[in-house]
Amino acid sequence: MRLNEYRILWILVFFDLPTVTAQEKKIASKFRKNIMKDGFSMFQFSIYLRHCSSRENADVHINRVKKILPAKGHIGIITITDKQFGMMELFYGKKEAKLPNTPQQLELF
């Protein structure tokens, strides 16, 4: 299968974790650090994203996130195609912004 904008996926993990106590802050920080170790980048404060070359690759990373979910809080995980991601419009105030760069993917035979 060749890579194309319909097979390449983006995983978005968005969350709202409690941070009232010191322990809750530690748990939230650990969750953020762990998803970043798995290759997720901050898109907005509580939205992280990761580029995946296939559905199988995305499933691996989704399962890793599911294994480290905190006991409390609201966490969402969604996958969208590269085509859908490319149609997103971003703004800083009223000024339009560029989308994050797509990581370069190597295709091995």
N, C-alpha and C. Protein backbone atom coordinates (compact mmCIF):
# COMPACT_ATOMS: atom_id res chain seq x y z
N MET A 1 0.84 -1.19 0.00
CA MET A 1 0.00 0.00 0.00
C MET A 1 0.88 1.25 0.00
N ARG A 2 0.57 2.14 -0.89
CA ARG A 2 1.32 3.39 -0.94
C ARG A 2 0.79 4.37 0.08
N LEU A 3 1.67 5.25 0.54
CA LEU A 3 1.24 6.29 1.46
C LEU A 3 0.46 7.34 0.69
N ASN A 4 -0.68 7.73 1.21
CA ASN A 4 -1.39 8.86 0.64
C ASN A 4 -2.15 9.57 1.74
N GLU A 5 -2.73 10.69 1.40
CA GLU A 5 -3.36 11.55 2.41
C GLU A 5 -4.60 10.95 3.05
N TYR A 6 -5.08 9.82 2.52
CA TYR A 6 -6.24 9.16 3.12
C TYR A 6 -5.82 8.00 4.02
N ARG A 7 -4.61 7.48 3.85
CA ARG A 7 -4.12 6.38 4.69
C ARG A 7 -3.28 6.89 5.86
N ILE A 8 -2.61 8.01 5.67
CA ILE A 8 -1.81 8.61 6.74
C ILE A 8 -2.76 9.24 7.74
N LEU A 9 -2.49 9.03 9.02
CA LEU A 9 -3.40 9.50 10.06
C LEU A 9 -2.71 10.42 11.06
N TRP A 10 -3.51 11.23 11.68
CA TRP A 10 -3.09 12.04 12.82
C TRP A 10 -3.92 11.57 14.01
N ILE A 11 -3.26 11.37 15.14
CA ILE A 11 -3.97 11.06 16.39
C ILE A 11 -3.98 12.33 17.21
N LEU A 12 -5.16 12.69 17.70
CA LEU A 12 -5.29 13.81 18.62
C LEU A 12 -5.73 13.27 19.97
N VAL A 13 -5.00 13.64 21.00
CA VAL A 13 -5.36 13.30 22.37
C VAL A 13 -5.66 14.62 23.06
N PHE A 14 -6.88 14.74 23.55
CA PHE A 14 -7.24 15.97 24.25
C PHE A 14 -7.76 15.59 25.63
N PHE A 15 -7.45 16.43 26.61
CA PHE A 15 -7.77 16.04 27.98
C PHE A 15 -8.00 17.25 28.87
N ASP A 16 -8.75 16.99 29.91
CA ASP A 16 -9.00 17.95 30.98
C ASP A 16 -8.81 17.17 32.27
N LEU A 17 -7.65 17.33 32.88
CA LEU A 17 -7.31 16.57 34.08
C LEU A 17 -7.36 17.48 35.30
N PRO A 18 -7.78 16.93 36.44
CA PRO A 18 -7.82 17.76 37.66
C PRO A 18 -6.39 18.12 38.09
N THR A 19 -6.24 19.37 38.54
CA THR A 19 -4.92 19.85 38.98
C THR A 19 -5.04 20.72 40.23
N VAL A 20 -5.95 20.34 41.10
CA VAL A 20 -6.16 21.13 42.32
C VAL A 20 -5.09 20.82 43.36
N THR A 21 -4.85 19.55 43.62
CA THR A 21 -3.87 19.17 44.63
C THR A 21 -2.50 18.94 43.99
N ALA A 22 -1.48 18.88 44.83
CA ALA A 22 -0.13 18.61 44.33
C ALA A 22 -0.06 17.23 43.67
N GLN A 23 -0.75 16.26 44.24
CA GLN A 23 -0.76 14.91 43.68
C GLN A 23 -1.43 14.90 42.29
N GLU A 24 -2.54 15.62 42.14
CA GLU A 24 -3.22 15.70 40.85
C GLU A 24 -2.34 16.37 39.80
N LYS A 25 -1.62 17.41 40.20
CA LYS A 25 -0.71 18.09 39.28
C LYS A 25 0.40 17.14 38.83
N LYS A 26 0.89 16.34 39.75
CA LYS A 26 1.95 15.38 39.43
C LYS A 26 1.44 14.33 38.43
N ILE A 27 0.23 13.85 38.65
CA ILE A 27 -0.36 12.84 37.76
C ILE A 27 -0.58 13.44 36.37
N ALA A 28 -1.10 14.66 36.30
CA ALA A 28 -1.34 15.31 35.00
C ALA A 28 -0.02 15.54 34.27
N SER A 29 0.99 15.98 34.98
CA SER A 29 2.30 16.22 34.39
C SER A 29 2.91 14.92 33.87
N LYS A 30 2.78 13.86 34.64
CA LYS A 30 3.32 12.56 34.22
C LYS A 30 2.62 12.07 32.95
N PHE A 31 1.30 12.25 32.86
CA PHE A 31 0.56 11.85 31.67
C PHE A 31 1.07 12.62 30.45
N ARG A 32 1.22 13.93 30.56
CA ARG A 32 1.73 14.74 29.46
C ARG A 32 3.13 14.30 29.05
N LYS A 33 4.00 14.08 30.02
CA LYS A 33 5.37 13.66 29.71
C LYS A 33 5.39 12.30 29.02
N ASN A 34 4.53 11.39 29.46
CA ASN A 34 4.51 10.05 28.87
C ASN A 34 4.01 10.07 27.42
N ILE A 35 3.00 10.87 27.12
CA ILE A 35 2.54 10.90 25.73
C ILE A 35 3.57 11.61 24.85
N MET A 36 4.29 12.56 25.42
CA MET A 36 5.35 13.22 24.65
C MET A 36 6.51 12.25 24.37
N LYS A 37 6.80 11.36 25.32
CA LYS A 37 7.83 10.34 25.09
C LYS A 37 7.43 9.41 23.96
N ASP A 38 6.13 9.25 23.74
CA ASP A 38 5.64 8.39 22.67
C ASP A 38 5.51 9.15 21.34
N GLY A 39 6.03 10.35 21.28
CA GLY A 39 6.07 11.07 20.02
C GLY A 39 4.96 12.08 19.79
N PHE A 40 4.14 12.33 20.79
CA PHE A 40 3.08 13.34 20.64
C PHE A 40 3.68 14.72 20.87
N SER A 41 3.16 15.70 20.15
CA SER A 41 3.60 17.09 20.29
C SER A 41 2.41 17.94 20.75
N MET A 42 2.73 18.98 21.52
CA MET A 42 1.65 19.85 21.98
C MET A 42 1.14 20.68 20.82
N PHE A 43 -0.18 20.64 20.64
CA PHE A 43 -0.85 21.44 19.63
C PHE A 43 -1.45 22.67 20.29
N GLN A 44 -2.13 22.44 21.40
CA GLN A 44 -2.60 23.48 22.31
C GLN A 44 -2.34 22.94 23.71
N PHE A 45 -2.64 23.72 24.73
CA PHE A 45 -2.24 23.33 26.08
C PHE A 45 -2.66 21.91 26.45
N SER A 46 -3.87 21.50 26.18
CA SER A 46 -4.29 20.15 26.54
C SER A 46 -4.70 19.33 25.32
N ILE A 47 -4.11 19.65 24.18
CA ILE A 47 -4.33 18.88 22.95
C ILE A 47 -2.96 18.51 22.39
N TYR A 48 -2.74 17.22 22.25
CA TYR A 48 -1.48 16.72 21.72
C TYR A 48 -1.76 15.92 20.46
N LEU A 49 -0.83 15.94 19.52
CA LEU A 49 -1.06 15.20 18.27
C LEU A 49 0.18 14.44 17.86
N ARG A 50 -0.09 13.41 17.05
CA ARG A 50 0.99 12.56 16.55
C ARG A 50 0.66 12.13 15.14
N HIS A 51 1.66 12.16 14.28
CA HIS A 51 1.53 11.75 12.88
C HIS A 51 1.83 10.25 12.79
N CYS A 52 0.99 9.49 12.09
CA CYS A 52 1.20 8.05 11.93
C CYS A 52 1.07 7.69 10.46
N SER A 53 1.91 6.78 10.01
CA SER A 53 1.94 6.42 8.59
C SER A 53 0.87 5.42 8.19
N SER A 54 0.19 4.80 9.16
CA SER A 54 -0.84 3.82 8.84
C SER A 54 -1.80 3.63 10.00
N ARG A 55 -2.90 2.96 9.74
CA ARG A 55 -3.87 2.63 10.78
C ARG A 55 -3.24 1.72 11.83
N GLU A 56 -2.43 0.77 11.38
CA GLU A 56 -1.78 -0.15 12.32
C GLU A 56 -0.84 0.59 13.26
N ASN A 57 -0.08 1.53 12.71
CA ASN A 57 0.82 2.33 13.52
C ASN A 57 0.03 3.19 14.50
N ALA A 58 -1.06 3.78 14.05
CA ALA A 58 -1.90 4.60 14.92
C ALA A 58 -2.47 3.76 16.06
N ASP A 59 -2.91 2.54 15.76
CA ASP A 59 -3.48 1.66 16.80
C ASP A 59 -2.47 1.37 17.90
N VAL A 60 -1.20 1.19 17.52
CA VAL A 60 -0.14 0.95 18.51
C VAL A 60 -0.06 2.12 19.49
N HIS A 61 -0.06 3.34 18.97
CA HIS A 61 0.09 4.52 19.82
C HIS A 61 -1.18 4.80 20.62
N ILE A 62 -2.33 4.53 20.04
CA ILE A 62 -3.59 4.70 20.78
C ILE A 62 -3.61 3.73 21.97
N ASN A 63 -3.20 2.50 21.76
CA ASN A 63 -3.17 1.53 22.85
C ASN A 63 -2.19 1.92 23.94
N ARG A 64 -1.07 2.54 23.56
CA ARG A 64 -0.11 3.02 24.56
C ARG A 64 -0.72 4.12 25.41
N VAL A 65 -1.47 5.02 24.78
CA VAL A 65 -2.13 6.09 25.54
C VAL A 65 -3.16 5.49 26.48
N LYS A 66 -3.92 4.52 26.00
CA LYS A 66 -4.96 3.90 26.84
C LYS A 66 -4.35 3.22 28.07
N LYS A 67 -3.15 2.70 27.95
CA LYS A 67 -2.50 2.02 29.07
C LYS A 67 -2.06 2.98 30.17
N ILE A 68 -1.89 4.25 29.85
CA ILE A 68 -1.40 5.22 30.84
C ILE A 68 -2.46 6.24 31.25
N LEU A 69 -3.72 5.97 30.94
CA LEU A 69 -4.78 6.92 31.29
C LEU A 69 -4.85 7.14 32.80
N PRO A 70 -4.94 8.38 33.25
CA PRO A 70 -5.11 8.65 34.68
C PRO A 70 -6.48 8.18 35.16
N ALA A 71 -6.60 7.94 36.46
CA ALA A 71 -7.86 7.46 37.04
C ALA A 71 -8.96 8.52 36.98
N LYS A 72 -8.58 9.79 37.01
CA LYS A 72 -9.56 10.87 37.00
C LYS A 72 -9.33 11.79 35.80
N GLY A 73 -10.38 12.48 35.40
CA GLY A 73 -10.27 13.44 34.31
C GLY A 73 -11.00 12.97 33.07
N HIS A 74 -11.05 13.83 32.08
CA HIS A 74 -11.70 13.53 30.81
C HIS A 74 -10.63 13.51 29.73
N ILE A 75 -10.55 12.39 29.02
CA ILE A 75 -9.56 12.22 27.97
C ILE A 75 -10.27 11.75 26.71
N GLY A 76 -9.95 12.37 25.58
CA GLY A 76 -10.51 11.96 24.30
C GLY A 76 -9.38 11.62 23.35
N ILE A 77 -9.63 10.63 22.50
CA ILE A 77 -8.66 10.24 21.48
C ILE A 77 -9.42 10.15 20.16
N ILE A 78 -8.90 10.81 19.13
CA ILE A 78 -9.54 10.75 17.82
C ILE A 78 -8.45 10.64 16.75
N THR A 79 -8.77 9.94 15.68
CA THR A 79 -7.85 9.89 14.54
C THR A 79 -8.54 10.57 13.36
N ILE A 80 -7.74 11.30 12.61
CA ILE A 80 -8.24 11.93 11.39
C ILE A 80 -7.21 11.69 10.29
N THR A 81 -7.66 11.69 9.06
CA THR A 81 -6.74 11.48 7.95
C THR A 81 -5.89 12.73 7.73
N ASP A 82 -4.79 12.52 7.03
CA ASP A 82 -3.92 13.65 6.69
C ASP A 82 -4.67 14.66 5.84
N LYS A 83 -5.57 14.18 5.01
CA LYS A 83 -6.39 15.06 4.17
C LYS A 83 -7.27 15.95 5.05
N GLN A 84 -7.94 15.35 6.04
CA GLN A 84 -8.79 16.13 6.95
C GLN A 84 -7.95 17.13 7.74
N PHE A 85 -6.78 16.68 8.22
CA PHE A 85 -5.90 17.57 8.98
C PHE A 85 -5.48 18.76 8.14
N GLY A 86 -5.20 18.50 6.87
CA GLY A 86 -4.77 19.56 5.96
C GLY A 86 -5.85 20.59 5.67
N MET A 87 -7.11 20.24 5.90
CA MET A 87 -8.22 21.18 5.65
C MET A 87 -8.51 22.05 6.87
N MET A 88 -7.78 21.83 7.98
CA MET A 88 -8.01 22.62 9.18
C MET A 88 -7.57 24.06 8.94
N GLU A 89 -8.32 24.98 9.48
CA GLU A 89 -7.95 26.39 9.44
C GLU A 89 -7.52 26.81 10.83
N LEU A 90 -6.36 27.43 10.95
CA LEU A 90 -5.83 27.87 12.24
C LEU A 90 -5.71 29.38 12.24
N PHE A 91 -5.97 29.97 13.39
CA PHE A 91 -5.87 31.41 13.55
C PHE A 91 -5.23 31.76 14.87
N TYR A 92 -4.43 32.80 14.89
CA TYR A 92 -3.94 33.42 16.11
C TYR A 92 -4.62 34.77 16.15
N GLY A 93 -5.67 34.86 16.96
CA GLY A 93 -6.52 36.03 16.91
C GLY A 93 -7.23 36.00 15.56
N LYS A 94 -7.16 37.08 14.82
CA LYS A 94 -7.79 37.12 13.49
C LYS A 94 -6.81 36.79 12.37
N LYS A 95 -5.54 36.62 12.75
CA LYS A 95 -4.52 36.34 11.75
C LYS A 95 -4.44 34.84 11.49
N GLU A 96 -4.51 34.46 10.21
CA GLU A 96 -4.44 33.05 9.85
C GLU A 96 -3.02 32.53 10.07
N ALA A 97 -2.93 31.29 10.54
CA ALA A 97 -1.63 30.67 10.82
C ALA A 97 -1.45 29.44 9.95
N LYS A 98 -0.20 29.01 9.82
CA LYS A 98 0.12 27.82 9.04
C LYS A 98 -0.08 26.58 9.91
N LEU A 99 -0.43 25.46 9.27
CA LEU A 99 -0.52 24.18 9.97
C LEU A 99 0.87 23.70 10.33
N PRO A 100 0.96 22.86 11.39
CA PRO A 100 2.27 22.28 11.71
C PRO A 100 2.80 21.47 10.53
N ASN A 101 4.11 21.42 10.40
CA ASN A 101 4.72 20.66 9.32
C ASN A 101 4.46 19.17 9.49
N THR A 102 4.21 18.50 8.39
CA THR A 102 4.04 17.05 8.41
C THR A 102 5.43 16.43 8.48
N PRO A 103 5.67 15.53 9.45
CA PRO A 103 6.98 14.88 9.50
C PRO A 103 7.26 14.11 8.22
N GLN A 104 8.51 14.06 7.83
CA GLN A 104 8.89 13.31 6.65
C GLN A 104 8.81 11.82 6.96
N GLN A 105 8.21 11.07 6.07
CA GLN A 105 8.09 9.62 6.24
C GLN A 105 8.94 8.94 5.18
N LEU A 106 9.66 7.94 5.60
CA LEU A 106 10.43 7.15 4.66
C LEU A 106 9.64 5.90 4.32
N GLU A 107 9.65 5.54 3.07
CA GLU A 107 8.96 4.34 2.62
C GLU A 107 10.02 3.29 2.32
N LEU A 108 9.98 2.19 3.06
CA LEU A 108 10.95 1.11 2.86
C LEU A 108 10.29 -0.02 2.09
N PHE A 109 11.05 -0.63 1.24
CA PHE A 109 10.51 -1.73 0.43
C PHE A 109 10.93 -3.06 0.99
